[in-house]
Amino acid sequence: MMEPEQFEEIVREVLAEPREAEPGTGPRFVLPIKAFKATDSEDRELDVVGITGTEDDNENLSFIVIVERDGETYPIIESSVWRTNGKAG
């Protein structure tokens, strides 16, 4: 398990020098976070696992979430989430 000081150092490094993606290839950076349970605006249950900044929106950060639907699990980006009780599994 990562120590809080290690996590803080990684956050500072990522935010100080975000890695630029090639135009049209996706996020500028991906920052893993301690996963937590949440819901989206459609009340879908999801696990939040990271933060990203996309090249088409330089002012706002988004959440990287894992969604499970019909037995399939996949990551998507959500701009807003609402934390629920419990840890992500």
N, C-alpha and C. Protein backbone atom coordinates (compact mmCIF):
# COMPACT_ATOMS: atom_id res chain seq x y z
N MET A 1 0.84 -1.18 0.00
CA MET A 1 0.00 0.00 0.00
C MET A 1 0.88 1.24 0.00
N MET A 2 0.48 2.22 -0.76
CA MET A 2 1.25 3.44 -0.89
C MET A 2 1.08 4.33 0.34
N GLU A 3 2.18 4.90 0.79
CA GLU A 3 2.14 5.84 1.91
C GLU A 3 1.57 7.18 1.43
N PRO A 4 0.88 7.92 2.32
CA PRO A 4 0.31 9.22 1.91
C PRO A 4 1.35 10.18 1.33
N GLU A 5 2.55 10.16 1.86
CA GLU A 5 3.59 11.06 1.35
C GLU A 5 3.96 10.72 -0.09
N GLN A 6 4.00 9.41 -0.41
CA GLN A 6 4.30 8.99 -1.77
C GLN A 6 3.20 9.45 -2.73
N PHE A 7 1.96 9.31 -2.31
CA PHE A 7 0.83 9.72 -3.14
C PHE A 7 0.89 11.23 -3.40
N GLU A 8 1.14 12.01 -2.35
CA GLU A 8 1.21 13.47 -2.50
C GLU A 8 2.31 13.87 -3.47
N GLU A 9 3.45 13.21 -3.41
CA GLU A 9 4.56 13.50 -4.31
C GLU A 9 4.17 13.20 -5.76
N ILE A 10 3.50 12.07 -5.98
CA ILE A 10 3.05 11.72 -7.33
C ILE A 10 2.07 12.76 -7.85
N VAL A 11 1.12 13.18 -7.02
CA VAL A 11 0.14 14.20 -7.42
C VAL A 11 0.87 15.49 -7.82
N ARG A 12 1.82 15.93 -7.00
CA ARG A 12 2.56 17.15 -7.32
C ARG A 12 3.29 17.02 -8.66
N GLU A 13 3.93 15.87 -8.89
CA GLU A 13 4.66 15.67 -10.15
C GLU A 13 3.73 15.70 -11.35
N VAL A 14 2.61 15.00 -11.25
CA VAL A 14 1.67 14.94 -12.38
C VAL A 14 1.08 16.31 -12.68
N LEU A 15 0.70 17.04 -11.65
CA LEU A 15 0.08 18.34 -11.87
C LEU A 15 1.10 19.38 -12.32
N ALA A 16 2.36 19.25 -11.91
CA ALA A 16 3.40 20.19 -12.30
C ALA A 16 3.78 20.04 -13.78
N GLU A 17 3.82 18.81 -14.27
CA GLU A 17 4.21 18.55 -15.64
C GLU A 17 3.29 17.52 -16.28
N PRO A 18 2.05 17.91 -16.60
CA PRO A 18 1.15 16.95 -17.23
C PRO A 18 1.72 16.44 -18.54
N ARG A 19 1.53 15.15 -18.80
CA ARG A 19 2.01 14.56 -20.04
C ARG A 19 1.02 14.88 -21.15
N GLU A 20 1.51 15.51 -22.18
CA GLU A 20 0.66 15.89 -23.30
C GLU A 20 0.45 14.69 -24.22
N ALA A 21 -0.78 14.47 -24.60
CA ALA A 21 -1.10 13.41 -25.56
C ALA A 21 -1.02 13.99 -26.96
N GLU A 22 -0.82 13.13 -27.92
CA GLU A 22 -0.89 13.56 -29.31
C GLU A 22 -2.32 14.02 -29.59
N PRO A 23 -2.51 15.04 -30.42
CA PRO A 23 -3.86 15.51 -30.72
C PRO A 23 -4.78 14.37 -31.15
N GLY A 24 -5.96 14.31 -30.53
CA GLY A 24 -6.95 13.31 -30.89
C GLY A 24 -6.74 11.95 -30.26
N THR A 25 -5.76 11.81 -29.35
CA THR A 25 -5.50 10.49 -28.79
C THR A 25 -6.09 10.28 -27.40
N GLY A 26 -6.69 11.30 -26.79
CA GLY A 26 -7.33 11.08 -25.49
C GLY A 26 -6.84 12.00 -24.40
N PRO A 27 -6.79 11.49 -23.17
CA PRO A 27 -6.51 12.35 -22.01
C PRO A 27 -5.09 12.92 -22.01
N ARG A 28 -4.96 14.12 -21.40
CA ARG A 28 -3.64 14.73 -21.21
C ARG A 28 -2.87 13.99 -20.14
N PHE A 29 -3.58 13.53 -19.11
CA PHE A 29 -2.93 12.76 -18.04
C PHE A 29 -3.97 11.90 -17.35
N VAL A 30 -3.50 10.87 -16.68
CA VAL A 30 -4.35 10.00 -15.88
C VAL A 30 -3.70 9.89 -14.51
N LEU A 31 -4.45 10.23 -13.47
CA LEU A 31 -3.95 10.17 -12.10
C LEU A 31 -4.76 9.14 -11.34
N PRO A 32 -4.16 7.99 -11.00
CA PRO A 32 -4.89 7.00 -10.19
C PRO A 32 -5.17 7.56 -8.80
N ILE A 33 -6.32 7.21 -8.23
CA ILE A 33 -6.67 7.62 -6.87
C ILE A 33 -7.15 6.40 -6.10
N LYS A 34 -7.30 6.56 -4.79
CA LYS A 34 -7.86 5.49 -3.97
C LYS A 34 -9.32 5.32 -4.41
N ALA A 35 -9.65 4.14 -4.88
CA ALA A 35 -10.97 3.90 -5.46
C ALA A 35 -12.08 4.05 -4.43
N PHE A 36 -13.24 4.56 -4.89
CA PHE A 36 -14.41 4.66 -4.03
C PHE A 36 -15.67 4.42 -4.83
N LYS A 37 -16.73 4.01 -4.14
CA LYS A 37 -18.05 3.77 -4.75
C LYS A 37 -18.76 5.10 -4.96
N ALA A 38 -19.50 5.18 -6.05
CA ALA A 38 -20.26 6.39 -6.36
C ALA A 38 -21.42 6.04 -7.29
N THR A 39 -22.25 7.04 -7.54
CA THR A 39 -23.29 6.92 -8.56
C THR A 39 -23.15 8.10 -9.51
N ASP A 40 -23.71 7.94 -10.71
CA ASP A 40 -23.69 9.04 -11.67
C ASP A 40 -25.07 9.69 -11.72
N SER A 41 -25.26 10.59 -12.65
CA SER A 41 -26.53 11.32 -12.75
C SER A 41 -27.70 10.42 -13.11
N GLU A 42 -27.44 9.22 -13.62
CA GLU A 42 -28.49 8.26 -13.95
C GLU A 42 -28.64 7.19 -12.87
N ASP A 43 -28.05 7.42 -11.70
CA ASP A 43 -28.07 6.49 -10.57
C ASP A 43 -27.43 5.14 -10.86
N ARG A 44 -26.51 5.09 -11.81
CA ARG A 44 -25.73 3.87 -12.05
C ARG A 44 -24.67 3.76 -10.98
N GLU A 45 -24.49 2.56 -10.42
CA GLU A 45 -23.43 2.35 -9.44
C GLU A 45 -22.11 2.16 -10.18
N LEU A 46 -21.06 2.79 -9.69
CA LEU A 46 -19.77 2.69 -10.34
C LEU A 46 -18.64 2.83 -9.33
N ASP A 47 -17.43 2.45 -9.74
CA ASP A 47 -16.23 2.61 -8.93
C ASP A 47 -15.39 3.71 -9.56
N VAL A 48 -15.05 4.73 -8.78
CA VAL A 48 -14.20 5.82 -9.25
C VAL A 48 -12.75 5.41 -8.97
N VAL A 49 -11.90 5.41 -10.01
CA VAL A 49 -10.53 4.91 -9.86
C VAL A 49 -9.46 5.91 -10.26
N GLY A 50 -9.84 7.06 -10.82
CA GLY A 50 -8.82 8.01 -11.25
C GLY A 50 -9.40 9.36 -11.63
N ILE A 51 -8.48 10.28 -11.94
CA ILE A 51 -8.83 11.62 -12.39
C ILE A 51 -8.08 11.86 -13.69
N THR A 52 -8.71 12.59 -14.61
CA THR A 52 -8.06 12.89 -15.88
C THR A 52 -8.41 14.30 -16.33
N GLY A 53 -7.58 14.85 -17.18
CA GLY A 53 -7.85 16.11 -17.86
C GLY A 53 -7.78 15.83 -19.33
N THR A 54 -8.81 16.16 -20.07
CA THR A 54 -8.84 15.85 -21.50
C THR A 54 -8.37 17.04 -22.32
N GLU A 55 -7.90 16.76 -23.52
CA GLU A 55 -7.35 17.82 -24.36
C GLU A 55 -8.40 18.82 -24.83
N ASP A 56 -9.67 18.43 -24.85
CA ASP A 56 -10.71 19.35 -25.30
C ASP A 56 -11.28 20.19 -24.17
N ASP A 57 -10.80 20.00 -22.94
CA ASP A 57 -11.29 20.78 -21.81
C ASP A 57 -10.13 21.02 -20.84
N ASN A 58 -9.45 22.13 -21.02
CA ASN A 58 -8.27 22.42 -20.21
C ASN A 58 -8.59 23.02 -18.86
N GLU A 59 -9.84 23.30 -18.56
CA GLU A 59 -10.19 23.94 -17.31
C GLU A 59 -10.77 22.99 -16.27
N ASN A 60 -11.32 21.86 -16.70
CA ASN A 60 -12.00 20.96 -15.77
C ASN A 60 -11.36 19.58 -15.76
N LEU A 61 -11.43 18.96 -14.59
CA LEU A 61 -10.98 17.58 -14.45
C LEU A 61 -12.19 16.67 -14.50
N SER A 62 -11.99 15.42 -14.87
CA SER A 62 -13.06 14.43 -14.92
C SER A 62 -12.63 13.19 -14.15
N PHE A 63 -13.61 12.37 -13.80
CA PHE A 63 -13.35 11.13 -13.08
C PHE A 63 -13.28 9.97 -14.06
N ILE A 64 -12.37 9.04 -13.79
CA ILE A 64 -12.31 7.79 -14.52
C ILE A 64 -13.05 6.78 -13.67
N VAL A 65 -14.08 6.17 -14.24
CA VAL A 65 -14.92 5.26 -13.47
C VAL A 65 -15.01 3.91 -14.16
N ILE A 66 -15.23 2.88 -13.36
CA ILE A 66 -15.44 1.53 -13.88
C ILE A 66 -16.92 1.22 -13.76
N VAL A 67 -17.54 0.88 -14.87
CA VAL A 67 -18.97 0.58 -14.92
C VAL A 67 -19.15 -0.88 -15.27
N GLU A 68 -20.11 -1.51 -14.63
CA GLU A 68 -20.43 -2.90 -14.95
C GLU A 68 -21.88 -2.95 -15.41
N ARG A 69 -22.09 -3.49 -16.61
CA ARG A 69 -23.44 -3.57 -17.16
C ARG A 69 -23.56 -4.85 -17.97
N ASP A 70 -24.60 -5.63 -17.70
CA ASP A 70 -24.86 -6.88 -18.43
C ASP A 70 -23.64 -7.81 -18.43
N GLY A 71 -22.94 -7.87 -17.28
CA GLY A 71 -21.78 -8.75 -17.16
C GLY A 71 -20.50 -8.21 -17.77
N GLU A 72 -20.57 -7.05 -18.40
CA GLU A 72 -19.39 -6.46 -19.03
C GLU A 72 -18.88 -5.32 -18.15
N THR A 73 -17.57 -5.23 -17.99
CA THR A 73 -16.94 -4.19 -17.19
C THR A 73 -16.07 -3.33 -18.09
N TYR A 74 -16.21 -2.00 -17.98
CA TYR A 74 -15.42 -1.12 -18.83
C TYR A 74 -15.24 0.24 -18.18
N PRO A 75 -14.16 0.97 -18.54
CA PRO A 75 -13.92 2.31 -17.98
C PRO A 75 -14.58 3.38 -18.85
N ILE A 76 -15.09 4.41 -18.19
CA ILE A 76 -15.61 5.59 -18.89
C ILE A 76 -15.19 6.83 -18.11
N ILE A 77 -15.40 8.00 -18.70
CA ILE A 77 -15.10 9.26 -18.04
C ILE A 77 -16.41 9.93 -17.67
N GLU A 78 -16.50 10.39 -16.42
CA GLU A 78 -17.68 11.10 -15.92
C GLU A 78 -17.25 12.46 -15.38
N SER A 79 -18.02 13.49 -15.67
CA SER A 79 -17.66 14.82 -15.16
C SER A 79 -18.13 15.02 -13.72
N SER A 80 -19.22 14.35 -13.33
CA SER A 80 -19.74 14.48 -11.96
C SER A 80 -20.13 13.11 -11.42
N VAL A 81 -19.80 12.87 -10.16
CA VAL A 81 -20.20 11.65 -9.47
C VAL A 81 -20.62 12.01 -8.06
N TRP A 82 -21.40 11.12 -7.46
CA TRP A 82 -21.85 11.31 -6.08
C TRP A 82 -21.39 10.11 -5.26
N ARG A 83 -20.53 10.38 -4.27
CA ARG A 83 -19.96 9.33 -3.44
C ARG A 83 -21.07 8.63 -2.64
N THR A 84 -20.96 7.30 -2.56
CA THR A 84 -21.86 6.51 -1.73
C THR A 84 -21.02 5.84 -0.65
N ASN A 85 -21.65 5.20 0.29
CA ASN A 85 -20.91 4.51 1.34
C ASN A 85 -20.27 3.26 0.77
N GLY A 86 -19.09 2.95 1.25
CA GLY A 86 -18.42 1.74 0.84
C GLY A 86 -17.19 1.99 0.01
N LYS A 87 -16.32 0.99 0.02
CA LYS A 87 -15.09 1.06 -0.76
C LYS A 87 -15.29 0.33 -2.06
N ALA A 88 -14.60 0.79 -3.08
CA ALA A 88 -14.68 0.15 -4.39
C ALA A 88 -14.10 -1.25 -4.30
N GLY A 89 -14.68 -2.16 -5.05
CA GLY A 89 -14.25 -3.55 -4.98
C GLY A 89 -13.53 -3.93 -6.16
